[in-house]
């Protein structure tokens, strides 16, 4: 439950040039991170639906 917002904030920070400078994540890692965040969100929704 708490993982989804944490993952979203981590993705936003890791993608921000203002925060990370020249060390921002690439497009492939950004895409993979958002897919993982969406999968975690879907898992949380499924958990509440079946609870």
N, C-alpha and C. Protein backbone atom coordinates (compact mmCIF):
# COMPACT_ATOMS: atom_id res chain seq x y z
N UNK A 1 0.82 -1.19 0.00
CA UNK A 1 0.00 0.00 0.00
C UNK A 1 0.87 1.25 0.00
N UNK A 2 1.88 1.26 0.79
CA UNK A 2 2.74 2.44 0.86
C UNK A 2 3.78 2.45 -0.26
N UNK A 3 3.98 1.30 -0.89
CA UNK A 3 5.03 1.18 -1.91
C UNK A 3 4.73 2.02 -3.15
N UNK A 4 3.47 2.11 -3.55
CA UNK A 4 3.14 2.81 -4.79
C UNK A 4 3.51 4.30 -4.73
N UNK A 5 3.11 5.03 -3.70
CA UNK A 5 3.51 6.44 -3.66
C UNK A 5 5.03 6.62 -3.55
N UNK A 6 5.68 5.73 -2.81
CA UNK A 6 7.13 5.82 -2.69
C UNK A 6 7.79 5.58 -4.04
N UNK A 7 7.32 4.57 -4.77
CA UNK A 7 7.88 4.29 -6.09
C UNK A 7 7.63 5.46 -7.04
N UNK A 8 6.44 6.06 -6.98
CA UNK A 8 6.13 7.19 -7.86
C UNK A 8 7.04 8.38 -7.56
N UNK A 9 7.25 8.67 -6.29
CA UNK A 9 8.13 9.79 -5.92
C UNK A 9 9.57 9.51 -6.35
N UNK A 10 10.00 8.26 -6.17
CA UNK A 10 11.36 7.89 -6.60
C UNK A 10 11.52 8.06 -8.11
N UNK A 11 10.49 7.68 -8.87
CA UNK A 11 10.55 7.83 -10.32
C UNK A 11 10.61 9.31 -10.71
N UNK A 12 9.80 10.12 -10.05
CA UNK A 12 9.81 11.55 -10.36
C UNK A 12 11.16 12.18 -10.03
N UNK A 13 11.72 11.80 -8.89
CA UNK A 13 13.02 12.35 -8.51
C UNK A 13 14.13 11.87 -9.44
N UNK A 14 14.12 10.60 -9.78
CA UNK A 14 15.17 10.04 -10.63
C UNK A 14 15.10 10.57 -12.06
N UNK A 15 13.92 11.03 -12.48
CA UNK A 15 13.74 11.57 -13.83
C UNK A 15 13.99 13.08 -13.90
N UNK A 16 14.11 13.71 -12.77
CA UNK A 16 14.23 15.17 -12.72
C UNK A 16 15.69 15.62 -12.86
N UNK A 17 15.94 16.37 -13.89
CA UNK A 17 17.29 16.92 -14.08
C UNK A 17 17.61 17.94 -12.99
N UNK A 18 16.59 18.62 -12.50
CA UNK A 18 16.80 19.60 -11.42
C UNK A 18 17.31 18.92 -10.15
N UNK A 19 16.79 17.73 -9.89
CA UNK A 19 17.18 16.98 -8.69
C UNK A 19 18.47 16.20 -8.90
N UNK A 20 18.58 15.51 -10.03
CA UNK A 20 19.67 14.57 -10.27
C UNK A 20 20.83 15.14 -11.07
N UNK A 21 20.64 16.31 -11.65
CA UNK A 21 21.71 16.89 -12.47
C UNK A 21 21.94 16.05 -13.72
N UNK A 22 23.19 15.69 -13.99
CA UNK A 22 23.51 14.89 -15.17
C UNK A 22 23.26 13.40 -14.96
N UNK A 23 22.83 13.00 -13.79
CA UNK A 23 22.67 11.58 -13.46
C UNK A 23 21.23 11.09 -13.56
N UNK A 24 20.42 11.72 -14.42
CA UNK A 24 19.03 11.28 -14.58
C UNK A 24 18.99 9.90 -15.23
N UNK A 25 17.92 9.17 -14.98
CA UNK A 25 17.80 7.83 -15.56
C UNK A 25 17.43 7.94 -17.04
N UNK A 26 17.78 6.92 -17.79
CA UNK A 26 17.49 6.90 -19.22
C UNK A 26 16.04 6.55 -19.51
N UNK A 27 15.70 6.63 -20.81
CA UNK A 27 14.31 6.38 -21.21
C UNK A 27 13.87 4.95 -20.93
N UNK A 28 14.74 3.99 -21.18
CA UNK A 28 14.37 2.58 -20.95
C UNK A 28 14.14 2.32 -19.47
N UNK A 29 15.01 2.81 -18.62
CA UNK A 29 14.84 2.61 -17.18
C UNK A 29 13.63 3.37 -16.67
N UNK A 30 13.38 4.55 -17.22
CA UNK A 30 12.20 5.33 -16.82
C UNK A 30 10.93 4.56 -17.18
N UNK A 31 10.89 4.01 -18.38
CA UNK A 31 9.73 3.24 -18.83
C UNK A 31 9.53 2.00 -17.95
N UNK A 32 10.61 1.30 -17.68
CA UNK A 32 10.54 0.10 -16.85
C UNK A 32 10.08 0.45 -15.43
N UNK A 33 10.57 1.53 -14.89
CA UNK A 33 10.18 1.96 -13.55
C UNK A 33 8.70 2.31 -13.45
N UNK A 34 8.18 3.00 -14.47
CA UNK A 34 6.76 3.34 -14.45
C UNK A 34 5.89 2.12 -14.66
N UNK A 35 6.36 1.16 -15.46
CA UNK A 35 5.62 -0.10 -15.63
C UNK A 35 5.58 -0.86 -14.30
N UNK A 36 6.71 -0.89 -13.60
CA UNK A 36 6.75 -1.56 -12.29
C UNK A 36 5.84 -0.85 -11.29
N UNK A 37 5.80 0.47 -11.33
CA UNK A 37 4.92 1.22 -10.43
C UNK A 37 3.46 0.92 -10.74
N UNK A 38 3.12 0.87 -12.03
CA UNK A 38 1.74 0.55 -12.42
C UNK A 38 1.38 -0.88 -12.02
N UNK A 39 2.31 -1.81 -12.17
CA UNK A 39 2.05 -3.19 -11.77
C UNK A 39 1.82 -3.28 -10.26
N UNK A 40 2.59 -2.54 -9.50
CA UNK A 40 2.40 -2.53 -8.05
C UNK A 40 1.06 -1.91 -7.69
N UNK A 41 0.67 -0.86 -8.38
CA UNK A 41 -0.63 -0.24 -8.13
C UNK A 41 -1.76 -1.21 -8.45
N UNK A 42 -1.64 -1.95 -9.56
CA UNK A 42 -2.66 -2.93 -9.92
C UNK A 42 -2.73 -4.04 -8.88
N UNK A 43 -1.60 -4.42 -8.34
CA UNK A 43 -1.57 -5.44 -7.30
C UNK A 43 -2.27 -4.97 -6.03
N UNK A 44 -2.06 -3.72 -5.67
CA UNK A 44 -2.72 -3.16 -4.49
C UNK A 44 -4.23 -3.11 -4.72
N UNK A 45 -4.65 -2.69 -5.90
CA UNK A 45 -6.08 -2.65 -6.21
C UNK A 45 -6.67 -4.06 -6.14
N UNK A 46 -5.97 -5.03 -6.72
CA UNK A 46 -6.45 -6.42 -6.69
C UNK A 46 -6.54 -6.93 -5.26
N UNK A 47 -5.59 -6.54 -4.44
CA UNK A 47 -5.59 -6.97 -3.04
C UNK A 47 -6.86 -6.45 -2.33
N UNK A 48 -7.19 -5.18 -2.57
CA UNK A 48 -8.37 -4.62 -1.91
C UNK A 48 -9.66 -5.19 -2.48
N UNK A 49 -9.68 -5.50 -3.77
CA UNK A 49 -10.89 -6.06 -4.38
C UNK A 49 -11.18 -7.45 -3.84
N UNK A 50 -10.13 -8.22 -3.61
CA UNK A 50 -10.33 -9.60 -3.16
C UNK A 50 -10.31 -9.74 -1.65
N UNK A 51 -10.12 -8.70 -0.93
CA UNK A 51 -10.00 -8.76 0.53
C UNK A 51 -11.33 -9.00 1.15
